Structure formats: structure tokens, C-alpha cells
Amino acid sequence: MSSDLTIHPDASVSSPQADQPNPPTDVAMQSFEPPKVQFRLYRPPQSKGGAPIELPDAYFQPSPADLKAAQASLAARSQSLQNAPLRTQAMREAEDKARRAKWPTTTIRVRFPDRTQLEKAFPSNNKIRSVYAFVRESLREDVKPIKFVLYQTPPKRELKVSDPNVRDLSLFDLQLAPSSVLHLKFEDESLNHITVPAPLSPEVLAHAEEFPIPPDPEEAPAPSGGRTLGSSSSSSAPGTSSASKTGSGTTLGSTEKKIPKWLKLSKK
């Protein structure tokens, strides 16, 4: 006698593998790494003589002597370009392409009125508006609506996004590559005093670090393994033939050569 085994469609067949939980994947086992900070923030450098003097805008205006020196430099450059050999269009394009390939990124350091400096590297083909956008996103929420301008000095050169001679040029075309320092000035004069801290967001201020101070050349240690400039030759080992004598006319490591008679001046 045979009996048919029927399985109800709602019945589930359990298996040892089905009862086991899913093993953790490699992605879940990996520890989460926070994104790296793409900028650097330097605190105002500490000066020994106290707070620096706040300079007015008239200080950054070029004097007649500065204009005269700039005119002389421009005239010398024009003269050198006129005397330079002629170059074809292909040669000029190749030189420009080589310069752009040499500096693919441009490091911009924005200096606030209190001398806080915000630094970031941008692609050299970016426009100046990318620098403005980065600075604005770094400000506090209550300061973001306030307009500001970035400029270079000396001489003072404002880089406004509204200027058609500036907004359509890349950072490389603006001669900011490979690195430049831009000053920041708000329309609200109360934010432009040197005693007012930079109005940056707390997230940005959390990454502040001390401004790197260059080493003092007078306190730099002498290079090891050799004599410094100005040291006398008396420190060489005694008895060596390379030691020079005062007034002997010979140098270190050289032998005395006889002068031909026809080169000697006659004594009269």
C-alpha cells in the first residue's frame, strides 16, 4: 500500500544552516574612520612686543616711490620681452601647459583681521568663487549673511566675484598659484578690528593649531661632519701636505706652480 506525502505550502522546512544567524560581513567589521580634515587653521602668532598696530586702509595705498619702482620694473620687463627671441604659438602653448602641469593645486591662506589664518588647497583650475564659498561655510551662522571681500597687498588688489576680470579666470590665471595669502575684510567694520576674534564656526575652531614659527638662523646648529664658513685651516691634522700657510700663495689641496718667465712683470 502506498501513501502520498503532501506538504502544505505554508509549512517551512528548517535546516541547520537556516537556523544559524548570518555571519557579519567585512564591511560591518571594519571600524568607522572619520573623514580627514581638508583645511588647516592657525591661531594668531604671539608677538613679543604686544599686539600689533592696526593699520588704516591708506597705509596699503602705493606711494609715489612705489609707483615709480613698479613702473621701472614694468619697463624693464617690457624691454626684456621685446629683446627676447620670437616664439611661435605652439611654443607658447607648450610652455603654458607645462606651467599648469607643474602646479595642479593652489594653496590659499586667508588671513583674518586678528591674524588668524585659514588654509586650504584648491585645484588650480578653480575660480575664485570656490575660495569665497569655502570661507563662507567656515564662518558662524550669524556672520554668514555678511558680505566680505578677499584682497592682496601690497599693492592692494581686490578679488571680487562681481568683477568680470576676476570671476571668469582660474586661480592659475589670477597668478595665485602655487600659493598665495589673501586678506579678508567684512562690510561690517565692527568685525575688522584686530582685537575681534575671527568669527569662525565651532567645528572649524576645534581644529586650530599654533602658527609654525620659522627657526632663528642665529640659533641654528652648525652642520656636523665639516667645518663652518670662516674656520681656519689650522684645524687640519699636523704634518699633512695640504695645510696652507699664511702668505704662501698656495691653497688647500693644491701644489705650487712655477710662473713662466714671459708672464713675470719686469722689475723697474
C-alpha atoms as a PDB file:
ATOM      1  CA  MET A   1       0.000   0.000   0.000  1.00  0.00           C
ATOM      2  CA  SER A   2       1.387   3.354  -0.959  1.00  0.00           C
ATOM      3  CA  SER A   3       0.640   6.728   0.580  1.00  0.00           C
ATOM      4  CA  ASP A   4       1.309  10.108  -0.974  1.00  0.00           C
ATOM      5  CA  LEU A   5       3.226  12.596   1.160  1.00  0.00           C
ATOM      6  CA  THR A   6       1.746  16.056   0.774  1.00  0.00           C
ATOM      7  CA  ILE A   7       3.418  19.202   2.128  1.00  0.00           C
ATOM      8  CA  HIS A   8       1.334  22.191   2.985  1.00  0.00           C
ATOM      9  CA  PRO A   9       2.524  25.287   1.098  1.00  0.00           C
ATOM     10  CA  ASP A  10       2.654  27.296   4.336  1.00  0.00           C
ATOM     11  CA  ALA A  11       4.892  24.769   6.045  1.00  0.00           C
ATOM     12  CA  SER A  12       8.544  25.676   6.284  1.00  0.00           C
ATOM     13  CA  VAL A  13      11.354  23.193   6.263  1.00  0.00           C
ATOM     14  CA  SER A  14      14.005  24.024   8.838  1.00  0.00           C
ATOM     15  CA  SER A  15      17.627  23.281   8.155  1.00  0.00           C
ATOM     16  CA  PRO A  16      20.745  23.652  10.298  1.00  0.00           C
ATOM     17  CA  GLN A  17      22.012  26.436   8.039  1.00  0.00           C
ATOM     18  CA  ALA A  18      18.730  28.323   8.205  1.00  0.00           C
ATOM     19  CA  ASP A  19      18.781  28.377  11.999  1.00  0.00           C
ATOM     20  CA  GLN A  20      22.220  29.959  12.123  1.00  0.00           C
ATOM     21  CA  PRO A  21      22.408  33.773  12.034  1.00  0.00           C
ATOM     22  CA  ASN A  22      24.053  35.467   9.096  1.00  0.00           C
ATOM     23  CA  PRO A  23      27.809  35.920   9.625  1.00  0.00           C
ATOM     24  CA  PRO A  24      28.969  39.527   9.903  1.00  0.00           C
ATOM     25  CA  THR A  25      30.266  40.985   6.706  1.00  0.00           C
ATOM     26  CA  ASP A  26      33.690  42.570   6.291  1.00  0.00           C
ATOM     27  CA  VAL A  27      32.119  45.994   5.940  1.00  0.00           C
ATOM     28  CA  ALA A  28      30.385  45.728   9.292  1.00  0.00           C
ATOM     29  CA  MET A  29      33.590  44.523  10.957  1.00  0.00           C
ATOM     30  CA  GLN A  30      35.582  47.471   9.705  1.00  0.00           C
ATOM     31  CA  SER A  31      35.902  50.332  12.140  1.00  0.00           C
ATOM     32  CA  PHE A  32      34.457  53.654  11.062  1.00  0.00           C
ATOM     33  CA  GLU A  33      37.092  56.249  10.205  1.00  0.00           C
ATOM     34  CA  PRO A  34      36.104  59.912  10.293  1.00  0.00           C
ATOM     35  CA  PRO A  35      36.855  61.915   7.153  1.00  0.00           C
ATOM     36  CA  LYS A  36      40.134  63.737   7.112  1.00  0.00           C
ATOM     37  CA  VAL A  37      40.126  67.493   7.558  1.00  0.00           C
ATOM     38  CA  GLN A  38      40.774  69.218   4.251  1.00  0.00           C
ATOM     39  CA  PHE A  39      41.907  72.525   5.751  1.00  0.00           C
ATOM     40  CA  ARG A  40      44.243  73.948   8.386  1.00  0.00           C
ATOM     41  CA  LEU A  41      43.561  76.722  10.867  1.00  0.00           C
ATOM     42  CA  TYR A  42      46.381  78.674  12.506  1.00  0.00           C
ATOM     43  CA  ARG A  43      45.931  80.746  15.615  1.00  0.00           C
ATOM     44  CA  PRO A  44      47.262  84.321  15.615  1.00  0.00           C
ATOM     45  CA  PRO A  45      51.040  84.297  16.129  1.00  0.00           C
ATOM     46  CA  GLN A  46      52.156  85.529  19.530  1.00  0.00           C
ATOM     47  CA  SER A  47      54.382  88.583  19.179  1.00  0.00           C
ATOM     48  CA  LYS A  48      56.869  89.557  21.855  1.00  0.00           C
ATOM     49  CA  GLY A  49      56.182  93.262  21.534  1.00  0.00           C
ATOM     50  CA  GLY A  50      52.475  93.035  22.326  1.00  0.00           C
ATOM     51  CA  ALA A  51      49.565  93.445  19.948  1.00  0.00           C
ATOM     52  CA  PRO A  52      50.492  94.797  16.517  1.00  0.00           C
ATOM     53  CA  ILE A  53      49.323  98.196  15.369  1.00  0.00           C
ATOM     54  CA  GLU A  54      46.112  98.227  13.357  1.00  0.00           C
ATOM     55  CA  LEU A  55      46.916  99.882  10.033  1.00  0.00           C
ATOM     56  CA  PRO A  56      44.380 102.013   8.129  1.00  0.00           C
ATOM     57  CA  ASP A  57      43.451 101.429   4.503  1.00  0.00           C
ATOM     58  CA  ALA A  58      45.542 104.422   3.455  1.00  0.00           C
ATOM     59  CA  TYR A  59      48.655 102.516   4.505  1.00  0.00           C
ATOM     60  CA  PHE A  60      48.122  99.998   1.712  1.00  0.00           C
ATOM     61  CA  GLN A  61      47.893 102.666  -0.983  1.00  0.00           C
ATOM     62  CA  PRO A  62      51.119 102.819  -3.033  1.00  0.00           C
ATOM     63  CA  SER A  63      53.286 105.891  -2.586  1.00  0.00           C
ATOM     64  CA  PRO A  64      54.857 107.830  -5.496  1.00  0.00           C
ATOM     65  CA  ALA A  65      58.129 105.986  -4.860  1.00  0.00           C
ATOM     66  CA  ASP A  66      56.324 102.628  -5.039  1.00  0.00           C
ATOM     67  CA  LEU A  67      54.649 103.612  -8.301  1.00  0.00           C
ATOM     68  CA  LYS A  68      57.966 104.755  -9.732  1.00  0.00           C
ATOM     69  CA  ALA A  69      59.636 101.460  -8.784  1.00  0.00           C
ATOM     70  CA  ALA A  70      56.733  99.474 -10.252  1.00  0.00           C
ATOM     71  CA  GLN A  71      56.933 101.487 -13.464  1.00  0.00           C
ATOM     72  CA  ALA A  72      60.674 100.848 -13.720  1.00  0.00           C
ATOM     73  CA  SER A  73      60.148  97.121 -13.170  1.00  0.00           C
ATOM     74  CA  LEU A  74      57.396  97.052 -15.799  1.00  0.00           C
ATOM     75  CA  ALA A  75      59.589  98.926 -18.282  1.00  0.00           C
ATOM     76  CA  ALA A  76      62.475  96.501 -17.706  1.00  0.00           C
ATOM     77  CA  ARG A  77      60.161  93.554 -18.211  1.00  0.00           C
ATOM     78  CA  SER A  78      58.750  95.025 -21.404  1.00  0.00           C
ATOM     79  CA  GLN A  79      62.271  95.645 -22.689  1.00  0.00           C
ATOM     80  CA  SER A  80      63.288  92.062 -21.967  1.00  0.00           C
ATOM     81  CA  LEU A  81      60.199  90.769 -23.762  1.00  0.00           C
ATOM     82  CA  GLN A  82      60.966  92.914 -26.806  1.00  0.00           C
ATOM     83  CA  ASN A  83      64.529  91.664 -26.970  1.00  0.00           C
ATOM     84  CA  ALA A  84      63.518  88.032 -26.433  1.00  0.00           C
ATOM     85  CA  PRO A  85      63.604  85.710 -29.460  1.00  0.00           C
ATOM     86  CA  LEU A  86      60.327  85.236 -31.302  1.00  0.00           C
ATOM     87  CA  ARG A  87      58.267  82.229 -30.273  1.00  0.00           C
ATOM     88  CA  THR A  88      55.530  80.521 -32.199  1.00  0.00           C
ATOM     89  CA  GLN A  89      52.013  79.989 -30.875  1.00  0.00           C
ATOM     90  CA  ALA A  90      52.746  76.299 -30.394  1.00  0.00           C
ATOM     91  CA  MET A  91      55.804  77.097 -28.272  1.00  0.00           C
ATOM     92  CA  ARG A  92      53.824  79.488 -26.058  1.00  0.00           C
ATOM     93  CA  GLU A  93      51.020  76.965 -25.608  1.00  0.00           C
ATOM     94  CA  ALA A  94      53.537  74.239 -24.700  1.00  0.00           C
ATOM     95  CA  GLU A  95      55.163  76.466 -22.075  1.00  0.00           C
ATOM     96  CA  ASP A  96      51.782  77.401 -20.592  1.00  0.00           C
ATOM     97  CA  LYS A  97      50.743  73.741 -20.482  1.00  0.00           C
ATOM     98  CA  ALA A  98      53.987  72.823 -18.704  1.00  0.00           C
ATOM     99  CA  ARG A  99      53.442  75.529 -16.060  1.00  0.00           C
ATOM    100  CA  ARG A 100      49.875  74.375 -15.427  1.00  0.00           C
ATOM    101  CA  ALA A 101      51.031  70.767 -15.091  1.00  0.00           C
ATOM    102  CA  LYS A 102      53.729  71.830 -12.629  1.00  0.00           C
ATOM    103  CA  TRP A 103      51.192  73.449 -10.244  1.00  0.00           C
ATOM    104  CA  PRO A 104      47.969  71.391 -10.349  1.00  0.00           C
ATOM    105  CA  THR A 105      46.888  72.731  -6.935  1.00  0.00           C
ATOM    106  CA  THR A 106      46.967  76.183  -5.372  1.00  0.00           C
ATOM    107  CA  THR A 107      47.284  76.669  -1.624  1.00  0.00           C
ATOM    108  CA  ILE A 108      45.280  79.682  -0.442  1.00  0.00           C
ATOM    109  CA  ARG A 109      45.789  81.080   3.056  1.00  0.00           C
ATOM    110  CA  VAL A 110      43.063  83.534   4.113  1.00  0.00           C
ATOM    111  CA  ARG A 111      44.180  85.952   6.827  1.00  0.00           C
ATOM    112  CA  PHE A 112      41.503  87.411   9.097  1.00  0.00           C
ATOM    113  CA  PRO A 113      41.854  90.856  10.740  1.00  0.00           C
ATOM    114  CA  ASP A 114      43.018  89.270  14.021  1.00  0.00           C
ATOM    115  CA  ARG A 115      45.754  87.410  12.052  1.00  0.00           C
ATOM    116  CA  THR A 116      44.004  84.045  12.260  1.00  0.00           C
ATOM    117  CA  GLN A 117      44.815  82.163   9.064  1.00  0.00           C
ATOM    118  CA  LEU A 118      42.608  79.618   7.309  1.00  0.00           C
ATOM    119  CA  GLU A 119      44.390  77.487   4.728  1.00  0.00           C
ATOM    120  CA  LYS A 120      43.182  75.079   2.066  1.00  0.00           C
ATOM    121  CA  ALA A 121      44.440  73.672  -1.233  1.00  0.00           C
ATOM    122  CA  PHE A 122      42.254  74.134  -4.329  1.00  0.00           C
ATOM    123  CA  PRO A 123      42.613  72.819  -7.877  1.00  0.00           C
ATOM    124  CA  SER A 124      44.396  75.480  -9.892  1.00  0.00           C
ATOM    125  CA  ASN A 125      41.634  75.476 -12.499  1.00  0.00           C
ATOM    126  CA  ASN A 126      39.025  76.516  -9.903  1.00  0.00           C
ATOM    127  CA  LYS A 127      37.583  80.010  -9.894  1.00  0.00           C
ATOM    128  CA  ILE A 128      37.852  82.490  -7.041  1.00  0.00           C
ATOM    129  CA  ARG A 129      34.225  81.785  -6.129  1.00  0.00           C
ATOM    130  CA  SER A 130      35.304  78.401  -4.735  1.00  0.00           C
ATOM    131  CA  VAL A 131      37.534  80.207  -2.226  1.00  0.00           C
ATOM    132  CA  TYR A 132      34.659  82.505  -1.221  1.00  0.00           C
ATOM    133  CA  ALA A 133      32.347  79.513  -0.784  1.00  0.00           C
ATOM    134  CA  PHE A 134      34.851  77.735   1.449  1.00  0.00           C
ATOM    135  CA  VAL A 135      35.403  80.783   3.651  1.00  0.00           C
ATOM    136  CA  ARG A 136      31.667  81.447   3.965  1.00  0.00           C
ATOM    137  CA  GLU A 137      30.959  77.852   5.006  1.00  0.00           C
ATOM    138  CA  SER A 138      33.642  78.194   7.696  1.00  0.00           C
ATOM    139  CA  LEU A 139      32.000  81.240   9.330  1.00  0.00           C
ATOM    140  CA  ARG A 140      29.499  81.311  12.175  1.00  0.00           C
ATOM    141  CA  GLU A 141      25.829  81.148  11.285  1.00  0.00           C
ATOM    142  CA  ASP A 142      25.213  84.748  12.364  1.00  0.00           C
ATOM    143  CA  VAL A 143      28.123  86.025  10.233  1.00  0.00           C
ATOM    144  CA  LYS A 144      27.467  84.065   7.032  1.00  0.00           C
ATOM    145  CA  PRO A 145      24.988  86.659   5.631  1.00  0.00           C
ATOM    146  CA  ILE A 146      27.583  89.464   5.991  1.00  0.00           C
ATOM    147  CA  LYS A 147      29.459  90.215   2.797  1.00  0.00           C
ATOM    148  CA  PHE A 148      33.249  90.236   2.670  1.00  0.00           C
ATOM    149  CA  VAL A 149      35.994  90.742   0.118  1.00  0.00           C
ATOM    150  CA  LEU A 150      39.322  88.996  -0.399  1.00  0.00           C
ATOM    151  CA  TYR A 151      42.295  91.064  -1.495  1.00  0.00           C
ATOM    152  CA  GLN A 152      46.063  91.042  -1.891  1.00  0.00           C
ATOM    153  CA  THR A 153      48.531  93.639  -0.665  1.00  0.00           C
ATOM    154  CA  PRO A 154      50.814  95.430  -1.405  1.00  0.00           C
ATOM    155  CA  PRO A 155      49.685  96.917  -3.702  1.00  0.00           C
ATOM    156  CA  LYS A 156      46.056  96.369  -2.797  1.00  0.00           C
ATOM    157  CA  ARG A 157      44.275  94.164  -5.336  1.00  0.00           C
ATOM    158  CA  GLU A 158      40.684  93.186  -4.613  1.00  0.00           C
ATOM    159  CA  LEU A 159      39.486  89.843  -5.955  1.00  0.00           C
ATOM    160  CA  LYS A 160      35.730  90.367  -6.159  1.00  0.00           C
ATOM    161  CA  VAL A 161      33.388  87.776  -7.616  1.00  0.00           C
ATOM    162  CA  SER A 162      31.368  90.609  -9.162  1.00  0.00           C
ATOM    163  CA  ASP A 163      34.412  91.773 -11.160  1.00  0.00           C
ATOM    164  CA  PRO A 164      34.207  90.275 -14.700  1.00  0.00           C
ATOM    165  CA  ASN A 165      38.006  90.443 -14.949  1.00  0.00           C
ATOM    166  CA  VAL A 166      38.288  88.167 -11.914  1.00  0.00           C
ATOM    167  CA  ARG A 167      35.291  85.826 -11.751  1.00  0.00           C
ATOM    168  CA  ASP A 168      35.920  84.151 -15.136  1.00  0.00           C
ATOM    169  CA  LEU A 169      39.634  83.458 -14.504  1.00  0.00           C
ATOM    170  CA  SER A 170      41.083  80.431 -12.777  1.00  0.00           C
ATOM    171  CA  LEU A 171      43.341  80.638  -9.737  1.00  0.00           C
ATOM    172  CA  PHE A 172      46.267  79.943 -12.037  1.00  0.00           C
ATOM    173  CA  ASP A 173      45.262  82.734 -14.416  1.00  0.00           C
ATOM    174  CA  LEU A 174      44.939  85.083 -11.434  1.00  0.00           C
ATOM    175  CA  GLN A 175      48.624  84.346 -10.671  1.00  0.00           C
ATOM    176  CA  LEU A 176      47.751  82.826  -7.295  1.00  0.00           C
ATOM    177  CA  ALA A 177      49.490  79.509  -7.964  1.00  0.00           C
ATOM    178  CA  PRO A 178      51.262  77.734  -6.379  1.00  0.00           C
ATOM    179  CA  SER A 179      50.425  79.530  -3.087  1.00  0.00           C
ATOM    180  CA  SER A 180      49.122  82.939  -2.043  1.00  0.00           C
ATOM    181  CA  VAL A 181      47.972  84.828   1.035  1.00  0.00           C
ATOM    182  CA  LEU A 182      44.661  86.693   0.779  1.00  0.00           C
ATOM    183  CA  HIS A 183      43.395  89.209   3.327  1.00  0.00           C
ATOM    184  CA  LEU A 184      39.744  89.297   4.359  1.00  0.00           C
ATOM    185  CA  LYS A 185      37.645  92.381   5.051  1.00  0.00           C
ATOM    186  CA  PHE A 186      33.980  92.417   6.112  1.00  0.00           C
ATOM    187  CA  GLU A 187      31.459  95.060   5.148  1.00  0.00           C
ATOM    188  CA  ASP A 188      30.647  95.325   8.844  1.00  0.00           C
ATOM    189  CA  GLU A 189      33.552  97.376  10.206  1.00  0.00           C
ATOM    190  CA  SER A 190      32.992  96.045  13.722  1.00  0.00           C
ATOM    191  CA  LEU A 191      34.426  92.711  12.552  1.00  0.00           C
ATOM    192  CA  ASN A 192      37.571  94.226  11.050  1.00  0.00           C
ATOM    193  CA  HIS A 193      39.334  95.172  14.291  1.00  0.00           C
ATOM    194  CA  ILE A 194      42.423  93.245  15.265  1.00  0.00           C
ATOM    195  CA  THR A 195      41.028  92.651  18.750  1.00  0.00           C
ATOM    196  CA  VAL A 196      37.933  90.862  17.412  1.00  0.00           C
ATOM    197  CA  PRO A 197      38.457  87.073  17.123  1.00  0.00           C
ATOM    198  CA  ALA A 198      37.842  85.514  13.746  1.00  0.00           C
ATOM    199  CA  PRO A 199      34.095  84.681  13.535  1.00  0.00           C
ATOM    200  CA  LEU A 200      34.584  81.040  12.607  1.00  0.00           C
ATOM    201  CA  SER A 201      32.252  78.170  13.429  1.00  0.00           C
ATOM    202  CA  PRO A 202      32.984  75.997  16.478  1.00  0.00           C
ATOM    203  CA  GLU A 203      33.613  72.999  14.209  1.00  0.00           C
ATOM    204  CA  VAL A 204      36.380  74.896  12.425  1.00  0.00           C
ATOM    205  CA  LEU A 205      37.856  76.353  15.613  1.00  0.00           C
ATOM    206  CA  ALA A 206      38.172  72.855  17.031  1.00  0.00           C
ATOM    207  CA  HIS A 207      40.986  72.179  14.551  1.00  0.00           C
ATOM    208  CA  ALA A 208      43.023  75.292  15.401  1.00  0.00           C
ATOM    209  CA  GLU A 209      46.769  74.842  15.824  1.00  0.00           C
ATOM    210  CA  GLU A 210      49.701  77.070  16.620  1.00  0.00           C
ATOM    211  CA  PHE A 211      51.224  79.030  13.792  1.00  0.00           C
ATOM    212  CA  PRO A 212      54.600  77.495  12.817  1.00  0.00           C
ATOM    213  CA  ILE A 213      57.430  79.828  13.775  1.00  0.00           C
ATOM    214  CA  PRO A 214      60.489  79.672  11.492  1.00  0.00           C
ATOM    215  CA  PRO A 215      63.745  78.819  13.271  1.00  0.00           C
ATOM    216  CA  ASP A 216      66.149  81.585  14.193  1.00  0.00           C
ATOM    217  CA  PRO A 217      69.135  81.427  11.805  1.00  0.00           C
ATOM    218  CA  GLU A 218      71.465  82.649  14.548  1.00  0.00           C
ATOM    219  CA  GLU A 219      70.478  79.756  16.812  1.00  0.00           C
ATOM    220  CA  ALA A 220      70.639  77.107  14.091  1.00  0.00           C
ATOM    221  CA  PRO A 221      73.195  74.389  14.909  1.00  0.00           C
ATOM    222  CA  ALA A 222      76.280  74.088  12.743  1.00  0.00           C
ATOM    223  CA  PRO A 223      76.245  71.176  10.278  1.00  0.00           C
ATOM    224  CA  SER A 224      78.037  68.150  11.621  1.00  0.00           C
ATOM    225  CA  GLY A 225      80.886  66.437   9.836  1.00  0.00           C
ATOM    226  CA  GLY A 226      82.597  69.506   8.483  1.00  0.00           C
ATOM    227  CA  ARG A 227      83.951  72.939   9.255  1.00  0.00           C
ATOM    228  CA  THR A 228      81.787  76.012   9.028  1.00  0.00           C
ATOM    229  CA  LEU A 229      82.491  79.052   6.921  1.00  0.00           C
ATOM    230  CA  GLY A 230      85.227  81.192   8.308  1.00  0.00           C
ATOM    231  CA  SER A 231      87.052  78.409  10.120  1.00  0.00           C
ATOM    232  CA  SER A 232      90.803  78.481   9.771  1.00  0.00           C
ATOM    233  CA  SER A 233      92.830  75.727   8.158  1.00  0.00           C
ATOM    234  CA  SER A 234      94.820  75.211  11.353  1.00  0.00           C
ATOM    235  CA  SER A 235      92.353  72.526  12.408  1.00  0.00           C
ATOM    236  CA  SER A 236      93.734  70.119   9.836  1.00  0.00           C
ATOM    237  CA  ALA A 237      95.977  67.317  11.012  1.00  0.00           C
ATOM    238  CA  PRO A 238      99.604  68.322  11.521  1.00  0.00           C
ATOM    239  CA  GLY A 239     102.197  67.010   9.149  1.00  0.00           C
ATOM    240  CA  THR A 240      99.880  66.843   6.153  1.00  0.00           C
ATOM    241  CA  SER A 241     100.984  68.406   2.908  1.00  0.00           C
ATOM    242  CA  SER A 242      97.589  70.004   2.326  1.00  0.00           C
ATOM    243  CA  ALA A 243      97.952  72.514   5.183  1.00  0.00           C
ATOM    244  CA  SER A 244      98.235  76.038   3.809  1.00  0.00           C
ATOM    245  CA  LYS A 245     100.443  78.758   5.219  1.00  0.00           C
ATOM    246  CA  THR A 246      99.698  82.424   5.525  1.00  0.00           C
ATOM    247  CA  GLY A 247     101.087  84.372   2.599  1.00  0.00           C
ATOM    248  CA  SER A 248     102.461  81.326   0.814  1.00  0.00           C
ATOM    249  CA  GLY A 249     100.183  81.735  -2.185  1.00  0.00           C
ATOM    250  CA  THR A 250      99.068  78.107  -2.102  1.00  0.00           C
ATOM    251  CA  THR A 251      95.619  76.760  -1.377  1.00  0.00           C
ATOM    252  CA  LEU A 252      94.309  73.622   0.278  1.00  0.00           C
ATOM    253  CA  GLY A 253      94.952  70.520  -1.776  1.00  0.00           C
ATOM    254  CA  SER A 254      96.975  72.372  -4.426  1.00  0.00           C
ATOM    255  CA  THR A 255     100.664  72.426  -5.257  1.00  0.00           C
ATOM    256  CA  GLU A 256     102.735  75.452  -6.127  1.00  0.00           C
ATOM    257  CA  LYS A 257     103.191  76.038  -9.850  1.00  0.00           C
ATOM    258  CA  LYS A 258     106.043  77.936 -11.398  1.00  0.00           C
ATOM    259  CA  ILE A 259     105.157  81.043 -13.411  1.00  0.00           C
ATOM    260  CA  PRO A 260     106.700  81.272 -16.901  1.00  0.00           C
ATOM    261  CA  LYS A 261     109.301  83.931 -17.342  1.00  0.00           C
ATOM    262  CA  TRP A 262     107.349  85.683 -20.094  1.00  0.00           C
ATOM    263  CA  LEU A 263     104.403  86.167 -17.660  1.00  0.00           C
ATOM    264  CA  LYS A 264     106.503  87.751 -14.918  1.00  0.00           C
ATOM    265  CA  LEU A 265     106.477  91.547 -14.733  1.00  0.00           C
ATOM    266  CA  SER A 266     109.792  93.198 -15.115  1.00  0.00           C
ATOM    267  CA  LYS A 267     111.044  94.939 -12.018  1.00  0.00           C
ATOM    268  CA  LYS A 268     111.711  98.563 -12.892  1.00  0.00           C
END
